[in-house]
Each structure stands twice: as C-alpha cells, then as structure tokens.
C-alpha atoms as a PDB file:
ATOM      1  CA  MET A   1       0.108   0.106   0.154  1.00  0.00           C
ATOM      2  CA  ALA A   2       1.428   3.564  -0.891  1.00  0.00           C
ATOM      3  CA  GLU A   3       2.825   5.583   1.797  1.00  0.00           C
ATOM      4  CA  ILE A   4       3.426   9.328   1.296  1.00  0.00           C
ATOM      5  CA  MET A   5       5.849  11.141   3.409  1.00  0.00           C
ATOM      6  CA  PHE A   6       6.068  15.045   3.325  1.00  0.00           C
ATOM      7  CA  SER A   7       9.168  16.672   4.550  1.00  0.00           C
ATOM      8  CA  ILE A   8       9.377  20.466   5.119  1.00  0.00           C
ATOM      9  CA  ARG A   9      12.382  22.269   7.066  1.00  0.00           C
ATOM     10  CA  THR A  10      10.681  23.651  10.303  1.00  0.00           C
ATOM     11  CA  VAL A  11      11.742  24.920  13.581  1.00  0.00           C
ATOM     12  CA  SER A  12       8.549  25.080  15.177  1.00  0.00           C
ATOM     13  CA  VAL A  13       4.796  24.655  14.716  1.00  0.00           C
ATOM     14  CA  ALA A  14       4.251  28.375  15.245  1.00  0.00           C
ATOM     15  CA  PHE A  15       6.973  29.096  12.426  1.00  0.00           C
ATOM     16  CA  ILE A  16       4.938  26.472  10.187  1.00  0.00           C
ATOM     17  CA  MET A  17       1.573  28.220  10.717  1.00  0.00           C
ATOM     18  CA  LEU A  18       3.651  31.908   9.797  1.00  0.00           C
ATOM     19  CA  LEU A  19       5.161  30.512   6.748  1.00  0.00           C
ATOM     20  CA  PHE A  20       1.866  29.128   5.307  1.00  0.00           C
ATOM     21  CA  VAL A  21       0.336  32.442   5.644  1.00  0.00           C
ATOM     22  CA  ALA A  22       3.409  34.062   3.982  1.00  0.00           C
ATOM     23  CA  ILE A  23       4.342  31.958   1.194  1.00  0.00           C
ATOM     24  CA  THR A  24       2.704  32.729  -2.116  1.00  0.00           C
ATOM     25  CA  SER A  25       2.708  29.158  -3.776  1.00  0.00           C
ATOM     26  CA  VAL A  26       3.366  25.424  -2.483  1.00  0.00           C
ATOM     27  CA  ARG A  27       4.713  23.037  -4.875  1.00  0.00           C
ATOM     28  CA  ALA A  28       4.310  19.092  -4.825  1.00  0.00           C
ATOM     29  CA  ASP A  29       6.763  17.251  -7.037  1.00  0.00           C
ATOM     30  CA  GLY A  30       5.394  13.622  -7.394  1.00  0.00           C
ATOM     31  CA  MET A  31       6.539  10.448  -8.800  1.00  0.00           C
ATOM     32  CA  VAL A  32       3.688   8.406  -9.591  1.00  0.00           C
ATOM     33  CA  PRO A  33       4.274   4.482  -9.978  1.00  0.00           C
ATOM     34  CA  GLU A  34       2.016   2.679 -12.587  1.00  0.00           C
ATOM     35  CA  THR A  35       1.126   0.058  -9.822  1.00  0.00           C
ATOM     36  CA  THR A  36       0.838   0.051  -5.869  1.00  0.00           C
ATOM     37  CA  VAL A  37       2.412  -3.231  -5.569  1.00  0.00           C
ATOM     38  CA  VAL A  38       5.724  -4.743  -7.469  1.00  0.00           C
ATOM     39  CA  ILE A  39       5.631  -8.458  -8.015  1.00  0.00           C
ATOM     40  CA  LEU A  40       9.194 -10.179  -8.778  1.00  0.00           C
ATOM     41  CA  ASN A  41       8.920 -13.853 -10.017  1.00  0.00           C
ATOM     42  CA  GLU A  42      12.011 -15.708  -8.927  1.00  0.00           C
ATOM     43  CA  GLU A  43      11.855 -17.733 -12.300  1.00  0.00           C
ATOM     44  CA  ASP A  44      11.722 -14.575 -14.315  1.00  0.00           C
ATOM     45  CA  GLY A  45      14.857 -12.932 -12.710  1.00  0.00           C
ATOM     46  CA  GLU A  46      13.685  -9.446 -12.965  1.00  0.00           C
ATOM     47  CA  THR A  47      10.868  -7.180 -13.175  1.00  0.00           C
ATOM     48  CA  THR A  48      10.106  -3.601 -14.268  1.00  0.00           C
ATOM     49  CA  ILE A  49       7.774  -0.792 -13.258  1.00  0.00           C
ATOM     50  CA  ASN A  50       7.253   2.801 -14.804  1.00  0.00           C
ATOM     51  CA  ILE A  51       7.330   5.663 -12.642  1.00  0.00           C
ATOM     52  CA  LYS A  52       5.990   9.051 -13.949  1.00  0.00           C
ATOM     53  CA  ASN A  53       7.072  12.392 -12.737  1.00  0.00           C
ATOM     54  CA  THR A  54       3.519  14.416 -12.718  1.00  0.00           C
ATOM     55  CA  ASP A  55       4.961  17.598 -12.029  1.00  0.00           C
ATOM     56  CA  ALA A  56       5.876  20.438 -14.576  1.00  0.00           C
ATOM     57  CA  THR A  57       9.356  20.513 -13.705  1.00  0.00           C
ATOM     58  CA  PRO A  58      12.312  17.922 -13.994  1.00  0.00           C
ATOM     59  CA  ALA A  59      13.132  16.059 -10.827  1.00  0.00           C
ATOM     60  CA  LEU A  60      15.652  13.514  -9.650  1.00  0.00           C
ATOM     61  CA  LEU A  61      14.047  10.031  -9.099  1.00  0.00           C
ATOM     62  CA  TYR A  62      15.613   8.030  -6.123  1.00  0.00           C
ATOM     63  CA  SER A  63      14.718   4.357  -6.059  1.00  0.00           C
ATOM     64  CA  SER A  64      15.764   1.898  -3.228  1.00  0.00           C
ATOM     65  CA  ILE A  65      14.694  -1.517  -1.826  1.00  0.00           C
ATOM     66  CA  GLU A  66      14.131  -1.558   2.063  1.00  0.00           C
ATOM     67  CA  ASN A  67      14.355  -4.736   4.152  1.00  0.00           C
ATOM     68  CA  LEU A  68      11.791  -5.511   6.649  1.00  0.00           C
ATOM     69  CA  PRO A  69      13.054  -6.028  10.360  1.00  0.00           C
ATOM     70  CA  GLU A  70      11.752  -9.347  10.219  1.00  0.00           C
ATOM     71  CA  ASP A  71      13.415 -10.299   6.923  1.00  0.00           C
ATOM     72  CA  PRO A  72      16.834  -8.539   6.460  1.00  0.00           C
ATOM     73  CA  GLU A  73      18.242 -10.780   3.766  1.00  0.00           C
ATOM     74  CA  PHE A  74      19.492  -8.850   0.545  1.00  0.00           C
ATOM     75  CA  LEU A  75      17.303 -10.495  -2.375  1.00  0.00           C
ATOM     76  CA  ALA A  76      16.867  -7.541  -4.999  1.00  0.00           C
ATOM     77  CA  LEU A  77      18.265  -4.111  -6.219  1.00  0.00           C
ATOM     78  CA  VAL A  78      16.683  -1.529  -8.510  1.00  0.00           C
ATOM     79  CA  THR A  79      18.447   0.217 -11.291  1.00  0.00           C
ATOM     80  CA  PRO A  80      18.846   2.969 -12.170  1.00  0.00           C
ATOM     81  CA  PRO A  81      18.977   4.142  -8.299  1.00  0.00           C
ATOM     82  CA  ILE A  82      19.244   7.800  -9.245  1.00  0.00           C
ATOM     83  CA  THR A  83      18.100   9.502 -12.468  1.00  0.00           C
ATOM     84  CA  ARG A  84      16.484  12.466 -13.921  1.00  0.00           C
ATOM     85  CA  VAL A  85      13.041  12.346 -15.080  1.00  0.00           C
ATOM     86  CA  GLU A  86      11.978  15.256 -17.184  1.00  0.00           C
ATOM     87  CA  ALA A  87       8.381  17.009 -16.591  1.00  0.00           C
ATOM     88  CA  SER A  88       5.446  14.419 -17.522  1.00  0.00           C
ATOM     89  CA  ASP A  89       7.750  11.649 -18.636  1.00  0.00           C
ATOM     90  CA  LYS A  90       8.020   8.552 -17.449  1.00  0.00           C
ATOM     91  CA  GLN A  91      11.183   6.372 -16.113  1.00  0.00           C
ATOM     92  CA  LEU A  92      11.280   2.632 -16.384  1.00  0.00           C
ATOM     93  CA  VAL A  93      12.941   0.981 -13.032  1.00  0.00           C
ATOM     94  CA  ARG A  94      14.355  -2.637 -13.115  1.00  0.00           C
ATOM     95  CA  VAL A  95      14.061  -4.805 -10.011  1.00  0.00           C
ATOM     96  CA  ILE A  96      16.734  -7.398 -10.192  1.00  0.00           C
ATOM     97  CA  GLY A  97      16.834 -10.644  -8.086  1.00  0.00           C
ATOM     98  CA  GLN A  98      19.725 -11.530  -6.218  1.00  0.00           C
ATOM     99  CA  PHE A  99      19.221 -15.121  -4.986  1.00  0.00           C
ATOM    100  CA  SER A 100      22.221 -17.205  -3.621  1.00  0.00           C
ATOM    101  CA  GLU A 101      19.753 -20.117  -3.186  1.00  0.00           C
ATOM    102  CA  PRO A 102      16.152 -21.268  -4.476  1.00  0.00           C
ATOM    103  CA  LEU A 103      13.228 -19.569  -2.493  1.00  0.00           C
ATOM    104  CA  LYS A 104      10.863 -21.673  -0.438  1.00  0.00           C
ATOM    105  CA  THR A 105       8.337 -19.098   0.177  1.00  0.00           C
ATOM    106  CA  GLN A 106       7.153 -15.820  -0.902  1.00  0.00           C
ATOM    107  CA  ARG A 107       9.106 -12.879   0.529  1.00  0.00           C
ATOM    108  CA  LEU A 108       8.179  -9.250   1.470  1.00  0.00           C
ATOM    109  CA  LYS A 109      10.331  -6.314   0.738  1.00  0.00           C
ATOM    110  CA  ARG A 110       9.473  -2.458   0.470  1.00  0.00           C
ATOM    111  CA  ILE A 111      10.453  -0.612  -2.621  1.00  0.00           C
ATOM    112  CA  ILE A 112      10.909   3.145  -2.303  1.00  0.00           C
ATOM    113  CA  PHE A 113      10.451   5.970  -4.819  1.00  0.00           C
ATOM    114  CA  GLU A 114      11.373   9.502  -4.160  1.00  0.00           C
ATOM    115  CA  GLY A 115      11.246  12.483  -6.263  1.00  0.00           C
ATOM    116  CA  VAL A 116      13.686  15.343  -5.390  1.00  0.00           C
ATOM    117  CA  PRO A 117      12.819  18.763  -7.218  1.00  0.00           C
ATOM    118  CA  PRO A 118      15.161  21.216  -8.361  1.00  0.00           C
ATOM    119  CA  ARG A 119      16.663  23.564  -5.674  1.00  0.00           C
ATOM    120  CA  LYS A 120      15.033  26.965  -5.769  1.00  0.00           C
ATOM    121  CA  PRO A 121      16.724  30.298  -5.507  1.00  0.00           C
ATOM    122  CA  ALA A 122      16.879  31.553  -1.992  1.00  0.00           C
ATOM    123  CA  ASP A 123      14.606  34.383  -2.706  1.00  0.00           C
ATOM    124  CA  THR A 124      11.785  32.245  -4.238  1.00  0.00           C
ATOM    125  CA  ALA A 125       8.600  32.412  -1.868  1.00  0.00           C
ATOM    126  CA  SER A 126       7.788  28.828  -2.365  1.00  0.00           C
ATOM    127  CA  VAL A 127       7.960  25.515  -0.523  1.00  0.00           C
ATOM    128  CA  GLY A 128       9.348  22.383  -1.992  1.00  0.00           C
ATOM    129  CA  VAL A 129       7.419  19.180  -0.984  1.00  0.00           C
ATOM    130  CA  THR A 130       9.076  15.522  -1.384  1.00  0.00           C
ATOM    131  CA  ILE A 131       6.458  12.809  -1.949  1.00  0.00           C
ATOM    132  CA  ARG A 132       8.018   9.364  -1.193  1.00  0.00           C
ATOM    133  CA  GLN A 133       6.150   6.239  -2.570  1.00  0.00           C
ATOM    134  CA  ASN A 134       6.753   3.183  -0.516  1.00  0.00           C
ATOM    135  CA  LEU A 135       5.324   0.145  -1.889  1.00  0.00           C
ATOM    136  CA  PRO A 136       5.137  -3.529  -1.236  1.00  0.00           C
ATOM    137  CA  LEU A 137       7.599  -5.866  -3.187  1.00  0.00           C
ATOM    138  CA  ILE A 138       6.425  -9.336  -3.190  1.00  0.00           C
ATOM    139  CA  ILE A 139       8.991 -11.969  -4.383  1.00  0.00           C
ATOM    140  CA  HIS A 140       7.359 -15.317  -5.496  1.00  0.00           C
ATOM    141  CA  PRO A 141       9.447 -18.547  -5.397  1.00  0.00           C
ATOM    142  CA  ARG A 142       9.846 -20.528  -8.648  1.00  0.00           C
ATOM    143  CA  GLY A 143       7.280 -23.391  -8.928  1.00  0.00           C
ATOM    144  CA  LEU A 144       5.070 -21.978  -6.163  1.00  0.00           C
ATOM    145  CA  ALA A 145       1.578 -21.825  -7.416  1.00  0.00           C
ATOM    146  CA  LYS A 146      -0.299 -18.654  -7.563  1.00  0.00           C
ATOM    147  CA  ASN A 147      -3.001 -18.168  -4.704  1.00  0.00           C
ATOM    148  CA  PRO A 148      -5.220 -15.140  -5.107  1.00  0.00           C
ATOM    149  CA  THR A 149      -6.686 -15.666  -1.426  1.00  0.00           C
ATOM    150  CA  PRO A 150      -3.759 -16.601   0.862  1.00  0.00           C
ATOM    151  CA  TRP A 151      -5.588 -14.798   3.774  1.00  0.00           C
ATOM    152  CA  THR A 152      -7.953 -17.949   3.738  1.00  0.00           C
ATOM    153  CA  LEU A 153      -4.972 -19.910   5.062  1.00  0.00           C
ATOM    154  CA  LEU A 154      -4.515 -18.066   8.072  1.00  0.00           C
ATOM    155  CA  GLU A 155      -5.274 -19.666  11.561  1.00  0.00           C
ATOM    156  CA  TRP A 156      -6.612 -17.534  14.349  1.00  0.00           C
ATOM    157  CA  SER A 157      -6.962 -18.434  17.859  1.00  0.00           C
ATOM    158  CA  LEU A 158      -7.765 -16.715  21.253  1.00  0.00           C
ATOM    159  CA  VAL A 159      -6.091 -18.056  24.370  1.00  0.00           C
ATOM    160  CA  GLY A 160      -7.349 -16.160  27.185  1.00  0.00           C
ATOM    161  CA  ASP A 161      -6.903 -12.418  26.419  1.00  0.00           C
ATOM    162  CA  VAL A 162      -4.268 -13.111  23.910  1.00  0.00           C
ATOM    163  CA  LEU A 163      -5.151 -13.151  20.171  1.00  0.00           C
ATOM    164  CA  GLN A 164      -2.956 -15.082  17.687  1.00  0.00           C
ATOM    165  CA  VAL A 165      -2.855 -15.530  14.205  1.00  0.00           C
ATOM    166  CA  ARG A 166      -0.593 -18.093  12.496  1.00  0.00           C
ATOM    167  CA  ASN A 167       0.300 -18.206   8.932  1.00  0.00           C
ATOM    168  CA  GLU A 168       1.605 -21.864   7.981  1.00  0.00           C
ATOM    169  CA  SER A 169       1.449 -21.117   4.278  1.00  0.00           C
ATOM    170  CA  PRO A 170       4.234 -20.261   1.887  1.00  0.00           C
ATOM    171  CA  TYR A 171       2.492 -16.870   1.228  1.00  0.00           C
ATOM    172  CA  VAL A 172       2.533 -13.433   2.384  1.00  0.00           C
ATOM    173  CA  VAL A 173      -0.810 -12.336   3.482  1.00  0.00           C
ATOM    174  CA  ARG A 174      -1.419  -8.640   3.643  1.00  0.00           C
ATOM    175  CA  LEU A 175      -4.500  -7.225   5.511  1.00  0.00           C
ATOM    176  CA  SER A 176      -6.163  -4.614   7.709  1.00  0.00           C
ATOM    177  CA  GLN A 177      -4.169  -4.041  10.952  1.00  0.00           C
ATOM    178  CA  GLU A 178      -7.591  -3.910  12.851  1.00  0.00           C
ATOM    179  CA  VAL A 179      -9.524  -6.910  13.042  1.00  0.00           C
ATOM    180  CA  VAL A 180     -13.152  -7.556  14.656  1.00  0.00           C
ATOM    181  CA  LEU A 181     -13.814 -10.416  16.989  1.00  0.00           C
ATOM    182  CA  THR A 182     -17.407 -11.524  16.587  1.00  0.00           C
ATOM    183  CA  PRO A 183     -20.034 -11.580  17.358  1.00  0.00           C
ATOM    184  CA  GLN A 184     -19.475  -9.032  20.029  1.00  0.00           C
ATOM    185  CA  ASN A 185     -17.622  -6.821  17.284  1.00  0.00           C
ATOM    186  CA  HIS A 186     -14.647  -6.397  19.658  1.00  0.00           C
ATOM    187  CA  VAL A 187     -11.982  -4.488  17.782  1.00  0.00           C
ATOM    188  CA  ALA A 188      -8.306  -5.806  18.283  1.00  0.00           C
ATOM    189  CA  ASP A 189      -5.138  -4.448  16.818  1.00  0.00           C
ATOM    190  CA  ILE A 190      -2.779  -7.054  15.457  1.00  0.00           C
ATOM    191  CA  GLY A 191       0.219  -4.414  15.220  1.00  0.00           C
ATOM    192  CA  ARG A 192       0.868  -5.091  11.408  1.00  0.00           C
ATOM    193  CA  THR A 193      -0.691  -5.081   8.041  1.00  0.00           C
ATOM    194  CA  TYR A 194       1.000  -8.372   6.923  1.00  0.00           C
ATOM    195  CA  VAL A 195       1.738 -11.909   8.178  1.00  0.00           C
ATOM    196  CA  LEU A 196       4.969 -13.540   6.723  1.00  0.00           C
ATOM    197  CA  PRO A 197       5.230 -17.202   5.815  1.00  0.00           C
ATOM    198  CA  GLY A 198       5.484 -19.455   8.836  1.00  0.00           C
ATOM    199  CA  GLU A 199       5.007 -16.650  11.186  1.00  0.00           C
ATOM    200  CA  VAL A 200       2.842 -16.284  14.441  1.00  0.00           C
ATOM    201  CA  LEU A 201       1.484 -13.073  15.612  1.00  0.00           C
ATOM    202  CA  GLN A 202       0.303 -12.730  19.178  1.00  0.00           C
ATOM    203  CA  ARG A 203      -1.254  -9.529  20.612  1.00  0.00           C
ATOM    204  CA  LYS A 204      -2.745  -9.076  24.333  1.00  0.00           C
ATOM    205  CA  LEU A 205      -6.214  -7.848  24.405  1.00  0.00           C
ATOM    206  CA  ASP A 206      -7.279  -5.072  26.633  1.00  0.00           C
ATOM    207  CA  LYS A 207      -9.944  -7.528  27.783  1.00  0.00           C
ATOM    208  CA  GLN A 208     -11.042 -10.836  27.158  1.00  0.00           C
ATOM    209  CA  PRO A 209     -14.003 -11.241  24.650  1.00  0.00           C
ATOM    210  CA  GLN A 210     -16.756 -13.275  25.860  1.00  0.00           C
ATOM    211  CA  SER A 211     -18.132 -15.897  23.918  1.00  0.00           C
ATOM    212  CA  ALA A 212     -16.076 -15.026  20.571  1.00  0.00           C
ATOM    213  CA  THR A 213     -16.459 -17.386  17.741  1.00  0.00           C
ATOM    214  CA  GLY A 214     -14.840 -15.596  14.756  1.00  0.00           C
ATOM    215  CA  VAL A 215     -12.729 -12.990  13.336  1.00  0.00           C
ATOM    216  CA  THR A 216     -13.476 -10.445  10.503  1.00  0.00           C
ATOM    217  CA  PHE A 217     -10.722  -8.474   8.627  1.00  0.00           C
ATOM    218  CA  TYR A 218     -10.034  -6.817   5.393  1.00  0.00           C
ATOM    219  CA  PRO A 219      -7.398  -8.591   3.227  1.00  0.00           C
ATOM    220  CA  ALA A 220      -5.486  -7.150   0.291  1.00  0.00           C
ATOM    221  CA  THR A 221      -4.924  -8.907  -2.860  1.00  0.00           C
ATOM    222  CA  VAL A 222      -1.427  -9.266  -4.348  1.00  0.00           C
ATOM    223  CA  TYR A 223      -2.147  -6.425  -6.525  1.00  0.00           C
ATOM    224  CA  GLY A 224      -2.842  -3.975  -3.455  1.00  0.00           C
ATOM    225  CA  PHE A 225      -6.539  -3.758  -3.927  1.00  0.00           C
ATOM    226  CA  THR A 226      -8.724  -4.257  -0.445  1.00  0.00           C
ATOM    227  CA  VAL A 227     -11.260  -6.698  -1.112  1.00  0.00           C
ATOM    228  CA  ASP A 228     -14.671  -7.345   0.715  1.00  0.00           C
ATOM    229  CA  SER A 229     -14.127  -8.385   4.364  1.00  0.00           C
ATOM    230  CA  TYR A 230     -13.522 -11.915   5.177  1.00  0.00           C
ATOM    231  CA  ASP A 231     -15.031 -13.889   8.149  1.00  0.00           C
ATOM    232  CA  ALA A 232     -12.392 -16.583   9.734  1.00  0.00           C
ATOM    233  CA  ARG A 233     -13.018 -19.192  12.452  1.00  0.00           C
ATOM    234  CA  LEU A 234     -11.753 -18.259  15.756  1.00  0.00           C
ATOM    235  CA  ASN A 235     -10.416 -21.235  17.785  1.00  0.00           C
ATOM    236  CA  VAL A 236     -11.140 -20.157  21.460  1.00  0.00           C
ATOM    237  CA  GLN A 237      -8.816 -21.914  24.436  1.00  0.00           C
ATOM    238  CA  GLY A 238      -9.009 -21.624  27.970  1.00  0.00           C
ATOM    239  CA  PRO A 239      -6.368 -19.033  29.563  1.00  0.00           C
END
C-alpha cells in the first residue's frame, strides 16, 4: 500500500503556521508508480515498473529497496538508483533478483520511489515538498502456485486475552491492522498489516471477549486492492 511522506524544513509549529500564511505558492513534486504493488517472480529474474513525473518541472528520482525488520536478507536491487526524469515523462525502473539459493516461500520487501525537485533560488517564495512512495515488493518463488486468496489459510485463535494469528502457508498475507472479533464486534489491533510465511503474531487484548467465535478482517490482494471483508473461524482456548 502506497505511503506518502511530506518533508518540510521547520523549527516550530508556530513557524510553520506563519510560513503558510506568508508563502505565495506551495509546490508538490510527485513520482507516481503505475501500480501499487511490485511482483518479482524468481523464475523471471527481474521485473520492471514505470514511474511518472507528474510535476511540471524535471526532478531526480531516487529508487531503493528496504528490508523488513523480520527479513533483513538482501534479495533484490533496483536500477537506476538515481536518475533525472523530465516533466510528464516516465522512467522505467528494473528490479533485479539477487538469489544465492532457491526461494521456498514468498518474501516481502518495500520498494521506495522519491522525487527530489530542483533547488530553488533563496529568494523564491515557495516551499518544496518531497513525496515518497513506499510500495510492497513481493518476491514469488519458482514453482509455487499462484494463490489469489492466501488470507483464507490463516489460523486464528484466542487463548485467554491473547489473540494469535498463524500463517503456516508459503504466502505473504496482507490485511488490515485492525480486526473484529465476532459476534461482540470487539476491535483488536494485530500490530501489522502483513503476516509472513511461517510467522505467528500474538497480541494481548485490553480485555477478554466473551463467547467470541470468529474474526472479521479486510485482506488485500497481491495487486494491492482491498477486497470485501473476510470472516474466519476463531479457535477459542482456555487461559
């Protein structure tokens, strides 16, 4: 899911308020990816994505791959890492796999695209705004069948006041961070928007829901679209 970060030089909230009153224009330079999720198939070795400079001036495009804290292994690189993109033009970015051994499960990384506008003269009454796109990069193993609904393979359980979700499948599952325990409609936060293959997430609830039998959540497809809510069975165990 795309993440946008605005960065403006500030010294205080008061200064920001005065600045926005005083400036005559605010410019936002944006690099827009053609998709919200990048898929790299191991058997292909690489994939590509087009990034469009939607602004009226040229900008530098910085591309990079960021590892998750749970999976720091280096598996891919992007090229070019830095390039100039003219106004309204597109830049093709290659994502190249770097595999020391065959993959056994899907892997999740983040791919970041950031447009840096040209430096403005010191007397220009404008604020440069950098927009940072942070997309999921899913690396799919050779020979693993495609599964359009991997969230159906999650196993949910409640032990006392601890909610647990287990992913025994080889697929990355992306979903809403908040889930609802039914039928009481008790909202719980699982702490993340993804569950990696072989991973077990546990979250202590503020109170133990009484007679909970299911869990409702909103999954996301591999292409980044949120689908209808999904109802899963909840295995309830004693404390």
